[in-house]
Protein backbone atom coordinates (compact mmCIF):
# COMPACT_ATOMS: atom_id res chain seq x y z
CA MET A 1 7.32 -1.75 17.01
CA PRO A 2 4.76 0.44 18.81
CA SER A 3 1.43 -1.02 20.00
CA VAL A 4 -1.48 -0.98 17.74
CA ALA A 5 -5.19 -0.87 18.62
CA LEU A 6 -7.57 -2.57 16.31
CA LEU A 7 -11.14 -1.30 16.75
CA GLY A 8 -13.58 -3.55 14.87
CA THR A 9 -12.93 -7.32 14.64
CA GLY A 10 -15.48 -8.48 12.16
CA LEU A 11 -14.41 -10.67 9.20
CA LEU A 12 -11.83 -8.29 7.78
CA GLY A 13 -10.73 -6.78 11.05
CA GLU A 14 -10.12 -10.25 12.61
CA SER A 15 -8.08 -11.16 9.55
CA ILE A 16 -6.07 -7.97 9.85
CA GLY A 17 -5.55 -8.62 13.52
CA GLN A 18 -4.31 -12.28 12.80
CA ARG A 19 -1.81 -10.96 10.29
CA LEU A 20 -0.51 -8.28 12.68
CA LEU A 21 -0.18 -10.85 15.48
CA GLU A 22 1.74 -13.29 13.12
CA ARG A 23 4.13 -10.34 12.25
CA GLY A 24 4.92 -9.78 15.93
CA VAL A 25 2.85 -6.62 16.42
CA SER A 26 1.74 -5.86 19.94
CA LEU A 27 -1.99 -5.77 19.41
CA TYR A 28 -4.86 -4.47 21.46
CA VAL A 29 -8.40 -5.21 20.26
CA TRP A 30 -11.96 -3.94 20.87
CA ASN A 31 -15.34 -4.71 19.22
CA ARG A 32 -18.87 -3.58 20.12
CA THR A 33 -19.75 -7.31 20.42
CA GLU A 34 -17.05 -8.48 22.87
CA GLU A 35 -17.05 -12.15 21.86
CA ARG A 36 -15.99 -11.23 18.30
CA SER A 37 -12.56 -10.37 19.68
CA ARG A 38 -12.10 -13.67 21.59
CA GLY A 39 -10.19 -15.44 18.71
CA LEU A 40 -7.60 -12.66 18.62
CA ILE A 41 -7.31 -12.46 22.35
CA GLU A 42 -6.79 -16.28 22.47
CA ALA A 43 -4.06 -15.76 19.82
CA GLY A 44 -2.20 -13.13 21.96
CA ALA A 45 -3.91 -9.80 21.55
CA GLN A 46 -4.81 -7.77 24.63
CA ALA A 47 -8.46 -6.80 25.17
CA LEU A 48 -9.57 -3.20 25.41
CA ASN A 49 -12.59 -2.71 27.67
CA SER A 50 -13.59 0.38 25.65
CA PRO A 51 -12.33 2.52 22.81
CA ALA A 52 -11.20 5.10 25.28
CA GLU A 53 -8.31 2.90 26.38
CA ALA A 54 -6.87 2.71 22.76
CA ALA A 55 -5.03 5.98 22.72
CA ARG A 56 -3.70 5.49 26.27
CA CYS A 57 -1.70 2.41 25.14
CA CYS A 58 -1.24 2.67 21.37
CA ASP A 59 0.36 4.98 18.79
CA SER A 60 -1.68 3.73 15.98
CA LEU A 61 -5.41 2.97 16.09
CA ILE A 62 -6.84 1.03 13.24
CA THR A 63 -10.66 1.09 12.60
CA VAL A 64 -12.30 -1.48 10.45
CA LEU A 65 -15.85 -0.42 11.12
CA ARG A 66 -19.12 -0.63 9.12
CA ASP A 67 -19.21 3.03 7.84
CA GLY A 68 -18.36 6.69 8.51
CA PRO A 69 -20.99 7.39 11.19
CA VAL A 70 -20.02 4.35 13.24
CA THR A 71 -16.30 5.33 12.92
CA ALA A 72 -17.12 8.92 13.95
CA ALA A 73 -19.02 7.63 17.08
CA VAL A 74 -16.13 5.33 18.07
CA LEU A 75 -13.59 8.13 17.48
CA ASN A 76 -15.71 10.34 19.77
CA ALA A 77 -15.79 7.53 22.37
CA ILE A 78 -11.97 7.34 22.23
CA GLY A 79 -11.70 11.00 23.50
CA ALA A 80 -8.23 12.47 23.53
CA LEU A 81 -5.95 10.93 20.95
CA ASP A 82 -2.73 12.18 22.62
CA GLY A 83 -0.80 12.25 19.36
CA SER A 84 -1.90 8.83 18.14
CA THR A 85 -2.78 8.28 14.56
CA LEU A 86 -6.29 7.05 13.59
CA ILE A 87 -6.13 4.79 10.51
CA THR A 88 -9.53 4.09 8.95
CA MET A 89 -9.40 0.82 6.91
CA GLY A 90 -13.15 0.36 6.54
CA THR A 91 -15.11 1.90 3.67
CA VAL A 92 -15.90 5.54 4.55
CA GLY A 93 -17.21 8.27 2.09
CA ILE A 94 -15.09 11.09 1.01
CA THR A 95 -16.78 13.88 3.04
CA GLU A 96 -17.02 11.49 5.99
CA SER A 97 -13.29 10.82 5.83
CA GLN A 98 -12.54 14.58 5.69
CA ALA A 99 -14.83 15.10 8.74
CA LEU A 100 -13.05 12.24 10.52
CA ALA A 101 -9.67 13.92 9.87
CA GLU A 102 -10.89 17.18 11.32
CA GLN A 103 -12.27 15.33 14.32
CA ALA A 104 -9.05 13.50 14.86
CA ALA A 105 -7.14 16.80 14.76
CA ARG A 106 -9.60 18.40 17.38
CA GLN A 107 -8.98 15.32 19.59
CA GLY A 108 -5.22 15.87 19.44
CA GLY A 109 -4.30 13.20 16.90
CA GLN A 110 -3.38 12.48 13.35
CA TYR A 111 -5.45 10.89 10.58
CA LEU A 112 -4.81 8.58 7.73
CA GLU A 113 -7.51 7.02 5.57
CA ALA A 114 -6.31 3.64 4.33
CA PRO A 115 -9.26 1.86 2.70
CA VAL A 116 -8.37 -1.62 1.36
CA LEU A 117 -9.31 -3.74 -1.57
CA GLY A 118 -9.32 -7.39 -0.62
CA SER A 119 -10.82 -9.64 2.03
CA LYS A 120 -9.91 -12.23 4.49
CA PRO A 121 -7.43 -14.21 2.27
CA GLN A 122 -5.51 -11.06 1.24
CA ALA A 123 -5.51 -9.78 4.82
CA LEU A 124 -4.08 -13.04 6.07
CA ASN A 125 -1.24 -13.25 3.50
CA GLY A 126 -0.40 -9.43 3.57
CA SER A 127 -1.57 -8.61 -0.05
CA LEU A 128 -4.33 -6.15 0.55
CA LEU A 129 -4.25 -3.13 -1.66
CA VAL A 130 -4.02 0.03 0.52
CA MET A 131 -4.85 3.36 -1.07
CA ALA A 132 -4.00 5.92 1.58
CA GLY A 133 -5.16 9.50 1.71
CA GLY A 134 -3.60 11.90 4.12
CA GLU A 135 -0.42 13.97 4.82
CA ALA A 136 2.79 12.56 3.57
CA GLN A 137 4.59 12.51 6.88
CA VAL A 138 1.70 10.69 8.52
CA PHE A 139 1.80 8.06 5.74
CA GLU A 140 5.55 7.68 5.94
CA ALA A 141 5.32 7.15 9.76
CA GLN A 142 2.69 4.44 9.35
CA GLN A 143 4.31 2.71 6.33
CA PRO A 144 6.04 0.04 8.54
CA LEU A 145 2.64 -0.93 9.91
CA LEU A 146 0.89 -0.87 6.58
CA ALA A 147 3.64 -2.97 5.13
CA HIS A 148 2.51 -5.87 7.27
CA LEU A 149 -0.81 -5.84 5.42
CA CYS A 150 0.16 -4.72 1.96
CA GLN A 151 3.13 -5.28 -0.26
CA ASP A 152 3.16 -1.63 -1.66
CA PRO A 153 0.97 0.82 0.25
CA LEU A 154 0.20 3.78 -1.97
CA LEU A 155 -0.27 7.32 -0.91
CA VAL A 156 -2.82 8.58 -3.47
CA GLY A 157 -3.20 12.22 -2.24
CA PRO A 158 -4.75 14.23 0.61
CA VAL A 159 -7.61 12.96 2.91
CA GLY A 160 -10.50 12.06 0.68
CA SER A 161 -8.24 10.76 -2.18
CA GLY A 162 -8.06 7.26 -0.72
CA ALA A 163 -11.88 7.10 -0.30
CA ALA A 164 -12.40 8.48 -3.84
CA THR A 165 -9.92 5.90 -5.29
CA LYS A 166 -11.71 3.08 -3.65
CA LEU A 167 -15.14 4.19 -4.47
């Protein structure tokens, strides 16, 4: 399985990271507060010094960040995506998600919104509800990764649909 970057290791992000490590995923992690990633690093994840390193080593970049503006700022800090796919799992508004998709395309990558219902227990046991919005081929390519976190990831429509379904 390709390497995955996890950007944002708060309560939900850390639980997602633990689940991915348990499933054998090669995981790289970054958080604005570096010590919040320590548990995942001790469990086997590799530390990223900055978001800019994510696209250089990973095909899929999962963000679990506070909101759309923070996600946009981190995406900007990544720079060139070099064909990687940005997967937003935090709560992002519809227009914010659409703007993130455009930004990811300008930076040479793909985008899939994948907001989740559930919290730490569901992330740890792989039973999050994922309502993805994006292009069908991007969703299909990311389905093996999403299947580690969700029993039946759903593609609910184009970008904005996942955010609308969650909200």
